[in-house]
C-alpha atoms as a PDB file:
ATOM      1  CA  MET A   1     107.249 122.530 112.835  1.00  0.00           C
ATOM      2  CA  THR A   2     110.330 121.461 110.895  1.00  0.00           C
ATOM      3  CA  SER A   3     113.651 120.342 112.357  1.00  0.00           C
ATOM      4  CA  THR A   4     116.888 120.267 110.429  1.00  0.00           C
ATOM      5  CA  VAL A   5     120.088 118.390 111.181  1.00  0.00           C
ATOM      6  CA  SER A   6     123.035 120.229 109.669  1.00  0.00           C
ATOM      7  CA  ARG A   7     126.234 118.675 108.379  1.00  0.00           C
ATOM      8  CA  ALA A   8     127.938 119.595 111.632  1.00  0.00           C
ATOM      9  CA  GLN A   9     125.514 117.321 113.472  1.00  0.00           C
ATOM     10  CA  TYR A  10     125.362 114.590 110.827  1.00  0.00           C
ATOM     11  CA  THR A  11     128.656 113.555 109.237  1.00  0.00           C
ATOM     12  CA  GLU A  12     128.480 112.080 105.758  1.00  0.00           C
ATOM     13  CA  ALA A  13     130.830 111.946 102.796  1.00  0.00           C
ATOM     14  CA  HIS A  14     128.570 114.418 100.985  1.00  0.00           C
ATOM     15  CA  SER A  15     126.854 117.572 102.121  1.00  0.00           C
ATOM     16  CA  THR A  16     123.528 116.234 103.370  1.00  0.00           C
ATOM     17  CA  VAL A  17     120.754 117.834 105.366  1.00  0.00           C
ATOM     18  CA  LEU A  18     118.050 115.718 106.981  1.00  0.00           C
ATOM     19  CA  THR A  19     114.726 117.459 107.586  1.00  0.00           C
ATOM     20  CA  TRP A  20     111.696 116.146 109.370  1.00  0.00           C
ATOM     21  CA  ALA A  21     108.550 117.639 110.761  1.00  0.00           C
ATOM     22  CA  ARG A  22     107.927 117.329 114.452  1.00  0.00           C
ATOM     23  CA  GLY A  23     104.282 116.853 115.132  1.00  0.00           C
ATOM     24  CA  THR A  24     102.379 118.041 118.116  1.00  0.00           C
ATOM     25  CA  PRO A  25     102.594 115.868 121.229  1.00  0.00           C
ATOM     26  CA  GLY A  26     100.476 112.744 120.971  1.00  0.00           C
ATOM     27  CA  VAL A  27      99.893 110.480 118.009  1.00  0.00           C
ATOM     28  CA  GLY A  28     100.696 111.365 114.414  1.00  0.00           C
ATOM     29  CA  VAL A  29     102.379 110.750 111.094  1.00  0.00           C
ATOM     30  CA  VAL A  30     105.089 112.988 109.658  1.00  0.00           C
ATOM     31  CA  ALA A  31     106.862 113.122 106.301  1.00  0.00           C
ATOM     32  CA  VAL A  32     110.569 112.253 106.184  1.00  0.00           C
ATOM     33  CA  ARG A  33     112.490 114.131 103.456  1.00  0.00           C
ATOM     34  CA  VAL A  34     116.173 114.334 102.581  1.00  0.00           C
ATOM     35  CA  THR A  35     117.925 117.387 101.118  1.00  0.00           C
ATOM     36  CA  THR A  36     121.251 117.073  99.271  1.00  0.00           C
ATOM     37  CA  ASN A  37     123.071 119.286  96.807  1.00  0.00           C
ATOM     38  CA  LEU A  38     120.793 117.716  94.152  1.00  0.00           C
ATOM     39  CA  GLY A  39     117.591 118.895  95.831  1.00  0.00           C
ATOM     40  CA  THR A  40     114.973 117.717  98.305  1.00  0.00           C
ATOM     41  CA  SER A  41     113.210 114.374  98.162  1.00  0.00           C
ATOM     42  CA  PRO A  42     109.445 114.489  97.650  1.00  0.00           C
ATOM     43  CA  ALA A  43     107.010 113.647 100.425  1.00  0.00           C
ATOM     44  CA  VAL A  44     105.773 110.150  99.571  1.00  0.00           C
ATOM     45  CA  PRO A  45     103.503 107.708 101.432  1.00  0.00           C
ATOM     46  CA  PHE A  46     106.272 105.198 102.174  1.00  0.00           C
ATOM     47  CA  GLY A  47     108.543 108.031 103.391  1.00  0.00           C
ATOM     48  CA  GLN A  48     106.465 108.655 106.492  1.00  0.00           C
ATOM     49  CA  PHE A  49     107.125 108.052 110.152  1.00  0.00           C
ATOM     50  CA  ALA A  50     104.309 107.227 112.564  1.00  0.00           C
ATOM     51  CA  TYR A  51     104.815 107.939 116.243  1.00  0.00           C
ATOM     52  CA  ASP A  52     103.086 107.071 119.503  1.00  0.00           C
ATOM     53  CA  GLY A  53     100.173 105.214 117.995  1.00  0.00           C
ATOM     54  CA  PRO A  54      99.161 102.004 116.338  1.00  0.00           C
ATOM     55  CA  ASP A  55     101.118 100.771 113.353  1.00  0.00           C
ATOM     56  CA  PRO A  56     100.159 102.683 110.185  1.00  0.00           C
ATOM     57  CA  VAL A  57      97.607 101.288 107.762  1.00  0.00           C
ATOM     58  CA  MET A  58      99.101 100.964 104.264  1.00  0.00           C
ATOM     59  CA  ILE A  59      98.049  99.559 100.899  1.00  0.00           C
ATOM     60  CA  THR A  60     100.821  97.671  99.085  1.00  0.00           C
ATOM     61  CA  SER A  61      98.857  96.471  96.038  1.00  0.00           C
ATOM     62  CA  ILE A  62      95.467  96.410  94.345  1.00  0.00           C
ATOM     63  CA  SER A  63      94.476  93.727  91.870  1.00  0.00           C
ATOM     64  CA  PRO A  64      93.102  94.300  89.371  1.00  0.00           C
ATOM     65  CA  THR A  65      94.045  97.981  89.148  1.00  0.00           C
ATOM     66  CA  SER A  66      91.115  98.755  86.861  1.00  0.00           C
ATOM     67  CA  GLY A  67      87.506  97.697  86.550  1.00  0.00           C
ATOM     68  CA  ARG A  68      83.880  98.752  86.500  1.00  0.00           C
ATOM     69  CA  LYS A  69      81.216  99.457  89.104  1.00  0.00           C
ATOM     70  CA  GLY A  70      80.282  96.233  90.905  1.00  0.00           C
ATOM     71  CA  GLU A  71      83.543  94.409  90.158  1.00  0.00           C
ATOM     72  CA  SER A  72      85.726  93.168  92.992  1.00  0.00           C
ATOM     73  CA  ALA A  73      89.278  94.264  93.726  1.00  0.00           C
ATOM     74  CA  THR A  74      91.685  92.548  96.116  1.00  0.00           C
ATOM     75  CA  ILE A  75      93.574  95.011  98.286  1.00  0.00           C
ATOM     76  CA  VAL A  76      96.720  93.837 100.066  1.00  0.00           C
ATOM     77  CA  GLY A  77      98.502  95.868 102.705  1.00  0.00           C
ATOM     78  CA  VAL A  78      99.429  95.977 106.350  1.00  0.00           C
ATOM     79  CA  ASN A  79      97.554  96.576 109.595  1.00  0.00           C
ATOM     80  CA  PHE A  80      93.988  96.337 108.315  1.00  0.00           C
ATOM     81  CA  GLY A  81      91.712  95.715 111.290  1.00  0.00           C
ATOM     82  CA  ALA A  82      88.296  94.134 111.650  1.00  0.00           C
ATOM     83  CA  ASP A  83      86.700  97.621 111.367  1.00  0.00           C
ATOM     84  CA  THR A  84      88.227  98.214 107.915  1.00  0.00           C
ATOM     85  CA  GLN A  85      86.373 100.228 105.299  1.00  0.00           C
ATOM     86  CA  VAL A  86      87.389 100.949 101.693  1.00  0.00           C
ATOM     87  CA  TYR A  87      86.896 104.181  99.758  1.00  0.00           C
ATOM     88  CA  PHE A  88      87.259 104.548  95.999  1.00  0.00           C
ATOM     89  CA  GLY A  89      87.865 108.282  95.864  1.00  0.00           C
ATOM     90  CA  ASP A  90      85.137 109.758  98.093  1.00  0.00           C
ATOM     91  CA  ASN A  91      82.773 106.818  97.568  1.00  0.00           C
ATOM     92  CA  PRO A  92      82.590 103.962 100.073  1.00  0.00           C
ATOM     93  CA  SER A  93      82.668 100.403  98.793  1.00  0.00           C
ATOM     94  CA  PRO A  94      79.243  98.756  99.114  1.00  0.00           C
ATOM     95  CA  SER A  95      80.857  95.445 100.107  1.00  0.00           C
ATOM     96  CA  VAL A  96      84.082  94.891 102.064  1.00  0.00           C
ATOM     97  CA  GLN A  97      85.290  91.442 103.108  1.00  0.00           C
ATOM     98  CA  VAL A  98      88.323  91.360 105.393  1.00  0.00           C
ATOM     99  CA  LYS A  99      90.094  88.136 104.425  1.00  0.00           C
ATOM    100  CA  ARG A 100      93.147  88.561 106.665  1.00  0.00           C
ATOM    101  CA  THR A 101      94.204  91.163 109.272  1.00  0.00           C
ATOM    102  CA  GLY A 102      97.697  92.051 110.501  1.00  0.00           C
ATOM    103  CA  GLN A 103     100.701  91.703 108.208  1.00  0.00           C
ATOM    104  CA  PRO A 104     100.015  91.131 105.406  1.00  0.00           C
ATOM    105  CA  SER A 105      96.352  92.069 105.392  1.00  0.00           C
ATOM    106  CA  GLU A 106      93.930  91.293 102.587  1.00  0.00           C
ATOM    107  CA  ILE A 107      90.533  92.764 101.678  1.00  0.00           C
ATOM    108  CA  VAL A 108      88.145  92.110  98.821  1.00  0.00           C
ATOM    109  CA  ALA A 109      86.107  95.225  98.047  1.00  0.00           C
ATOM    110  CA  THR A 110      83.459  95.963  95.444  1.00  0.00           C
ATOM    111  CA  ALA A 111      84.004  99.077  93.330  1.00  0.00           C
ATOM    112  CA  PRO A 112      81.179 101.590  93.866  1.00  0.00           C
ATOM    113  CA  ALA A 113      79.731 103.782  91.145  1.00  0.00           C
ATOM    114  CA  PRO A 114      82.392 106.270  90.042  1.00  0.00           C
ATOM    115  CA  ALA A 115      81.986 110.009  90.398  1.00  0.00           C
ATOM    116  CA  THR A 116      80.911 111.187  86.970  1.00  0.00           C
ATOM    117  CA  GLY A 117      80.857 114.480  85.156  1.00  0.00           C
ATOM    118  CA  ALA A 118      83.114 116.929  83.431  1.00  0.00           C
ATOM    119  CA  GLY A 119      86.585 117.039  84.903  1.00  0.00           C
ATOM    120  CA  LYS A 120      86.174 113.917  87.042  1.00  0.00           C
ATOM    121  CA  PRO A 121      89.227 111.618  86.787  1.00  0.00           C
ATOM    122  CA  ARG A 122      88.913 107.969  85.757  1.00  0.00           C
ATOM    123  CA  THR A 123      91.873 107.071  87.983  1.00  0.00           C
ATOM    124  CA  ILE A 124      91.134 107.613  91.661  1.00  0.00           C
ATOM    125  CA  ASP A 125      92.826 107.016  95.004  1.00  0.00           C
ATOM    126  CA  VAL A 126      91.765 104.040  97.100  1.00  0.00           C
ATOM    127  CA  THR A 127      92.032 104.491 100.857  1.00  0.00           C
ATOM    128  CA  VAL A 128      91.512 102.084 103.733  1.00  0.00           C
ATOM    129  CA  PRO A 129      90.418 103.627 107.035  1.00  0.00           C
ATOM    130  CA  SER A 130      91.087 101.190 109.884  1.00  0.00           C
ATOM    131  CA  ASN A 131      91.870 101.406 113.589  1.00  0.00           C
ATOM    132  CA  GLY A 132      91.088 105.144 113.546  1.00  0.00           C
ATOM    133  CA  TYR A 133      93.591 105.933 110.782  1.00  0.00           C
ATOM    134  CA  SER A 134      93.552 105.976 106.979  1.00  0.00           C
ATOM    135  CA  SER A 135      96.063 104.595 104.513  1.00  0.00           C
ATOM    136  CA  PRO A 136      98.070 107.156 102.531  1.00  0.00           C
ATOM    137  CA  THR A 137      97.456 107.630  98.821  1.00  0.00           C
ATOM    138  CA  GLY A 138      99.973 106.938  96.079  1.00  0.00           C
ATOM    139  CA  PRO A 139     100.537 105.034  92.844  1.00  0.00           C
ATOM    140  CA  VAL A 140     100.123 101.599  94.485  1.00  0.00           C
ATOM    141  CA  ALA A 141      96.733 102.682  95.825  1.00  0.00           C
ATOM    142  CA  GLU A 142      95.075 103.798  92.579  1.00  0.00           C
ATOM    143  CA  PHE A 143      92.146 102.277  90.687  1.00  0.00           C
ATOM    144  CA  THR A 144      91.071 103.192  87.157  1.00  0.00           C
ATOM    145  CA  TYR A 145      87.449 102.922  86.095  1.00  0.00           C
ATOM    146  CA  LYS A 146      87.078 101.382  82.647  1.00  0.00           C
ATOM    147  CA  GLU A 147      84.856 102.924  80.005  1.00  0.00           C
ATOM    148  CA  LEU A 148      81.306 101.597  80.069  1.00  0.00           C
END
């Protein structure tokens, strides 16, 4: 469901329309987008609003951003819990060490074997499921496998 606030309800110097999705009752995450005479903003991970649940899990950086199978990457973000896992694409990390929980959180994860084959990307999304929720994907949460 989408709700729109028209200019009559929201006064601004320019013609602006705010649109947001209302989720079903309970816990959820919705995209926040802004429409102006120049167009509509894209739905991006940091443009989300979480409601009625725990604070969202988010990755803010990965270092290094590229490597090979078996190499470690440090993942920094917010709200990683003790139950944290790390996925490189669809593949779980074989080793995850939670160094710090809360804000900021820090994990050291080992890169698993990449998915291989025709059409498989070298740059993949890294996600962190924790506290029953998963981090959103985006440019700050990408890892590139180096050539062998």
